[in-house]
Amino acid sequence: MNKCVEIQGPIGRCYKLGSCKIIVSIDDGLEHLSISHNNRYPRWNEIKQARYELLDKEKNYAMYFPPEKDYCNVHENCFHLFEVRE
């Protein structure tokens, strides 16, 4: 199993996990993880590994769909985890 390796990136904390790229940032005071792959969707085990290696283990995170009018997809093979407010 590969480990998340920190790399130089444009914003936040950037990592590689195998051939996936990951950015961890703080948005509106909450953690946000983006995980992408160039030519496929990230696999569930890659998303899970990134979450538990890179984010606070005591907090809750979710993938969600906003109202359609607010939906934006800049990178077609990217998923986002957002910290859930308590």
N, C-alpha and C. Protein backbone atom coordinates (compact mmCIF):
# COMPACT_ATOMS: atom_id res chain seq x y z
N MET A 1 0.85 -1.18 0.00
CA MET A 1 0.00 0.00 0.00
C MET A 1 0.89 1.24 0.00
N ASN A 2 0.59 2.18 -0.90
CA ASN A 2 1.31 3.45 -0.95
C ASN A 2 0.92 4.33 0.22
N LYS A 3 1.79 5.23 0.59
CA LYS A 3 1.51 6.25 1.60
C LYS A 3 1.30 7.58 0.89
N CYS A 4 0.60 8.49 1.54
CA CYS A 4 0.47 9.84 1.03
C CYS A 4 1.81 10.54 1.20
N VAL A 5 2.33 11.11 0.12
CA VAL A 5 3.62 11.78 0.13
C VAL A 5 3.40 13.25 -0.16
N GLU A 6 3.90 14.12 0.72
CA GLU A 6 3.72 15.56 0.52
C GLU A 6 4.55 16.02 -0.67
N ILE A 7 3.96 16.88 -1.51
CA ILE A 7 4.63 17.44 -2.68
C ILE A 7 4.41 18.95 -2.70
N GLN A 8 5.20 19.62 -3.51
CA GLN A 8 5.02 21.07 -3.70
C GLN A 8 3.79 21.28 -4.57
N GLY A 9 2.93 22.20 -4.16
CA GLY A 9 1.72 22.46 -4.93
C GLY A 9 1.33 23.91 -4.87
N PRO A 10 0.28 24.27 -5.59
CA PRO A 10 -0.10 25.68 -5.70
C PRO A 10 -0.77 26.26 -4.46
N ILE A 11 -1.50 25.43 -3.72
CA ILE A 11 -2.23 25.92 -2.55
C ILE A 11 -2.31 24.83 -1.50
N GLY A 12 -2.59 25.22 -0.27
CA GLY A 12 -2.82 24.24 0.79
C GLY A 12 -1.67 23.26 0.93
N ARG A 13 -1.97 22.11 1.51
CA ARG A 13 -1.02 21.02 1.63
C ARG A 13 -1.30 20.07 0.46
N CYS A 14 -0.29 19.74 -0.32
CA CYS A 14 -0.47 18.91 -1.51
C CYS A 14 0.26 17.58 -1.34
N TYR A 15 -0.38 16.52 -1.86
CA TYR A 15 0.15 15.17 -1.70
C TYR A 15 -0.08 14.37 -2.97
N LYS A 16 0.67 13.27 -3.08
CA LYS A 16 0.42 12.23 -4.08
C LYS A 16 0.14 10.95 -3.33
N LEU A 17 -0.79 10.18 -3.84
CA LEU A 17 -1.08 8.84 -3.33
C LEU A 17 -1.16 7.96 -4.56
N GLY A 18 -0.08 7.22 -4.84
CA GLY A 18 -0.02 6.50 -6.11
C GLY A 18 -0.09 7.52 -7.23
N SER A 19 -1.09 7.39 -8.11
CA SER A 19 -1.24 8.36 -9.19
C SER A 19 -2.35 9.38 -8.92
N CYS A 20 -2.86 9.42 -7.69
CA CYS A 20 -3.84 10.43 -7.29
C CYS A 20 -3.12 11.66 -6.75
N LYS A 21 -3.72 12.81 -6.98
CA LYS A 21 -3.23 14.06 -6.40
C LYS A 21 -4.26 14.54 -5.39
N ILE A 22 -3.76 15.09 -4.28
CA ILE A 22 -4.62 15.49 -3.17
C ILE A 22 -4.23 16.89 -2.71
N ILE A 23 -5.23 17.71 -2.44
CA ILE A 23 -5.02 19.02 -1.83
C ILE A 23 -5.86 19.08 -0.57
N VAL A 24 -5.24 19.48 0.54
CA VAL A 24 -5.96 19.70 1.79
C VAL A 24 -5.85 21.19 2.09
N SER A 25 -7.00 21.83 2.27
CA SER A 25 -7.02 23.27 2.52
C SER A 25 -8.04 23.58 3.60
N ILE A 26 -8.04 24.81 4.04
CA ILE A 26 -9.03 25.31 4.98
C ILE A 26 -9.91 26.29 4.22
N ASP A 27 -11.20 26.02 4.18
CA ASP A 27 -12.17 26.87 3.50
C ASP A 27 -13.22 27.28 4.52
N ASP A 28 -13.38 28.58 4.70
CA ASP A 28 -14.34 29.10 5.69
C ASP A 28 -14.11 28.49 7.07
N GLY A 29 -12.84 28.25 7.42
CA GLY A 29 -12.50 27.72 8.73
C GLY A 29 -12.64 26.21 8.88
N LEU A 30 -13.03 25.51 7.81
CA LEU A 30 -13.21 24.06 7.86
C LEU A 30 -12.29 23.36 6.87
N GLU A 31 -11.86 22.13 7.22
CA GLU A 31 -10.99 21.37 6.33
C GLU A 31 -11.73 20.90 5.08
N HIS A 32 -10.99 20.86 3.98
CA HIS A 32 -11.52 20.46 2.68
C HIS A 32 -10.43 19.65 1.99
N LEU A 33 -10.75 18.43 1.58
CA LEU A 33 -9.82 17.57 0.87
C LEU A 33 -10.35 17.34 -0.53
N SER A 34 -9.50 17.58 -1.52
CA SER A 34 -9.81 17.28 -2.92
C SER A 34 -8.88 16.17 -3.36
N ILE A 35 -9.42 15.14 -3.99
CA ILE A 35 -8.60 14.03 -4.49
C ILE A 35 -8.99 13.79 -5.95
N SER A 36 -7.97 13.74 -6.81
CA SER A 36 -8.23 13.59 -8.25
C SER A 36 -7.25 12.62 -8.88
N HIS A 37 -7.62 12.18 -10.07
CA HIS A 37 -6.78 11.32 -10.89
C HIS A 37 -6.92 11.82 -12.32
N ASN A 38 -5.85 11.72 -13.11
CA ASN A 38 -5.90 12.27 -14.47
C ASN A 38 -6.89 11.59 -15.40
N ASN A 39 -7.07 10.26 -15.29
CA ASN A 39 -7.90 9.59 -16.30
C ASN A 39 -8.91 8.59 -15.74
N ARG A 40 -9.24 8.70 -14.45
CA ARG A 40 -10.30 7.87 -13.86
C ARG A 40 -10.73 8.54 -12.56
N TYR A 41 -11.85 8.06 -12.01
CA TYR A 41 -12.24 8.53 -10.69
C TYR A 41 -11.32 7.91 -9.64
N PRO A 42 -11.01 8.64 -8.57
CA PRO A 42 -10.30 8.01 -7.46
C PRO A 42 -11.14 6.85 -6.92
N ARG A 43 -10.48 5.78 -6.55
CA ARG A 43 -11.17 4.60 -6.01
C ARG A 43 -11.53 4.84 -4.54
N TRP A 44 -12.55 4.11 -4.09
CA TRP A 44 -13.00 4.28 -2.71
C TRP A 44 -11.86 4.09 -1.71
N ASN A 45 -11.03 3.06 -1.91
CA ASN A 45 -9.94 2.81 -0.96
C ASN A 45 -8.93 3.96 -0.96
N GLU A 46 -8.73 4.66 -2.09
CA GLU A 46 -7.84 5.81 -2.15
C GLU A 46 -8.44 7.00 -1.38
N ILE A 47 -9.74 7.22 -1.56
CA ILE A 47 -10.42 8.30 -0.84
C ILE A 47 -10.35 8.03 0.66
N LYS A 48 -10.65 6.79 1.05
CA LYS A 48 -10.64 6.41 2.46
C LYS A 48 -9.24 6.58 3.06
N GLN A 49 -8.22 6.12 2.36
CA GLN A 49 -6.86 6.23 2.87
C GLN A 49 -6.45 7.69 3.03
N ALA A 50 -6.75 8.52 2.03
CA ALA A 50 -6.41 9.94 2.11
C ALA A 50 -7.10 10.59 3.30
N ARG A 51 -8.37 10.27 3.51
CA ARG A 51 -9.13 10.85 4.62
C ARG A 51 -8.47 10.53 5.96
N TYR A 52 -8.15 9.22 6.20
CA TYR A 52 -7.64 8.81 7.50
C TYR A 52 -6.16 9.13 7.70
N GLU A 53 -5.40 9.32 6.62
CA GLU A 53 -4.00 9.72 6.77
C GLU A 53 -3.85 11.23 6.92
N LEU A 54 -4.71 12.01 6.26
CA LEU A 54 -4.45 13.44 6.14
C LEU A 54 -5.40 14.35 6.92
N LEU A 55 -6.54 13.83 7.35
CA LEU A 55 -7.51 14.66 8.06
C LEU A 55 -7.64 14.22 9.51
N ASP A 56 -8.18 15.10 10.33
CA ASP A 56 -8.36 14.85 11.77
C ASP A 56 -9.24 13.61 11.97
N LYS A 57 -8.73 12.63 12.65
CA LYS A 57 -9.46 11.36 12.85
C LYS A 57 -10.69 11.50 13.73
N GLU A 58 -10.78 12.58 14.52
CA GLU A 58 -11.90 12.78 15.43
C GLU A 58 -13.03 13.61 14.83
N LYS A 59 -12.85 14.11 13.63
CA LYS A 59 -13.88 14.95 13.00
C LYS A 59 -14.64 14.15 11.95
N ASN A 60 -15.81 14.65 11.58
CA ASN A 60 -16.63 14.05 10.54
C ASN A 60 -16.44 14.82 9.23
N TYR A 61 -16.42 14.06 8.13
CA TYR A 61 -16.28 14.64 6.79
C TYR A 61 -17.34 14.00 5.90
N ALA A 62 -17.72 14.74 4.87
CA ALA A 62 -18.76 14.22 3.98
C ALA A 62 -18.50 14.65 2.54
N MET A 63 -18.99 13.84 1.60
CA MET A 63 -19.10 14.23 0.20
C MET A 63 -20.58 14.56 0.02
N TYR A 64 -20.88 15.70 -0.57
CA TYR A 64 -22.28 16.03 -0.74
C TYR A 64 -22.52 16.73 -2.06
N PHE A 65 -23.77 16.77 -2.46
CA PHE A 65 -24.18 17.47 -3.67
C PHE A 65 -24.94 18.72 -3.28
N PRO A 66 -24.46 19.89 -3.68
CA PRO A 66 -25.19 21.12 -3.38
C PRO A 66 -26.40 21.23 -4.30
N PRO A 67 -27.22 22.25 -4.10
CA PRO A 67 -28.31 22.49 -5.06
C PRO A 67 -27.71 22.60 -6.47
N GLU A 68 -28.45 22.15 -7.45
CA GLU A 68 -27.92 22.10 -8.82
C GLU A 68 -27.40 23.46 -9.30
N LYS A 69 -28.05 24.54 -8.88
CA LYS A 69 -27.62 25.87 -9.32
C LYS A 69 -26.22 26.22 -8.79
N ASP A 70 -25.79 25.56 -7.71
CA ASP A 70 -24.48 25.82 -7.12
C ASP A 70 -23.43 24.77 -7.50
N TYR A 71 -23.83 23.75 -8.26
CA TYR A 71 -22.93 22.66 -8.61
C TYR A 71 -21.88 23.15 -9.60
N CYS A 72 -20.63 22.78 -9.35
CA CYS A 72 -19.52 23.16 -10.22
C CYS A 72 -18.58 21.97 -10.30
N ASN A 73 -18.11 21.64 -11.50
CA ASN A 73 -17.19 20.53 -11.67
C ASN A 73 -16.03 20.99 -12.55
N VAL A 74 -14.97 21.49 -11.91
CA VAL A 74 -13.83 22.02 -12.66
C VAL A 74 -12.96 20.89 -13.20
N HIS A 75 -12.80 19.82 -12.45
CA HIS A 75 -11.97 18.67 -12.85
C HIS A 75 -12.89 17.45 -12.86
N GLU A 76 -13.03 16.79 -13.99
CA GLU A 76 -14.03 15.73 -14.10
C GLU A 76 -13.75 14.50 -13.26
N ASN A 77 -12.54 14.28 -12.80
CA ASN A 77 -12.21 13.10 -12.00
C ASN A 77 -11.78 13.48 -10.59
N CYS A 78 -12.51 14.39 -9.98
CA CYS A 78 -12.16 14.89 -8.65
C CYS A 78 -13.32 14.73 -7.68
N PHE A 79 -13.02 14.28 -6.47
CA PHE A 79 -14.01 14.20 -5.40
C PHE A 79 -13.55 15.10 -4.26
N HIS A 80 -14.51 15.57 -3.47
CA HIS A 80 -14.22 16.48 -2.38
C HIS A 80 -14.80 15.94 -1.08
N LEU A 81 -14.04 16.06 -0.01
CA LEU A 81 -14.52 15.78 1.34
C LEU A 81 -14.54 17.10 2.09
N PHE A 82 -15.63 17.38 2.77
CA PHE A 82 -15.78 18.61 3.52
C PHE A 82 -15.99 18.28 4.99
N GLU A 83 -15.31 19.02 5.87
CA GLU A 83 -15.53 18.88 7.29
C GLU A 83 -16.99 19.27 7.61
N VAL A 84 -17.63 18.46 8.42
CA VAL A 84 -19.02 18.71 8.79
C VAL A 84 -19.03 19.51 10.07
N ARG A 85 -19.77 20.62 10.07
CA ARG A 85 -19.90 21.43 11.29
C ARG A 85 -20.69 20.64 12.33
N GLU A 86 -20.24 20.73 13.56
CA GLU A 86 -20.94 20.03 14.65
C GLU A 86 -22.20 20.78 15.03
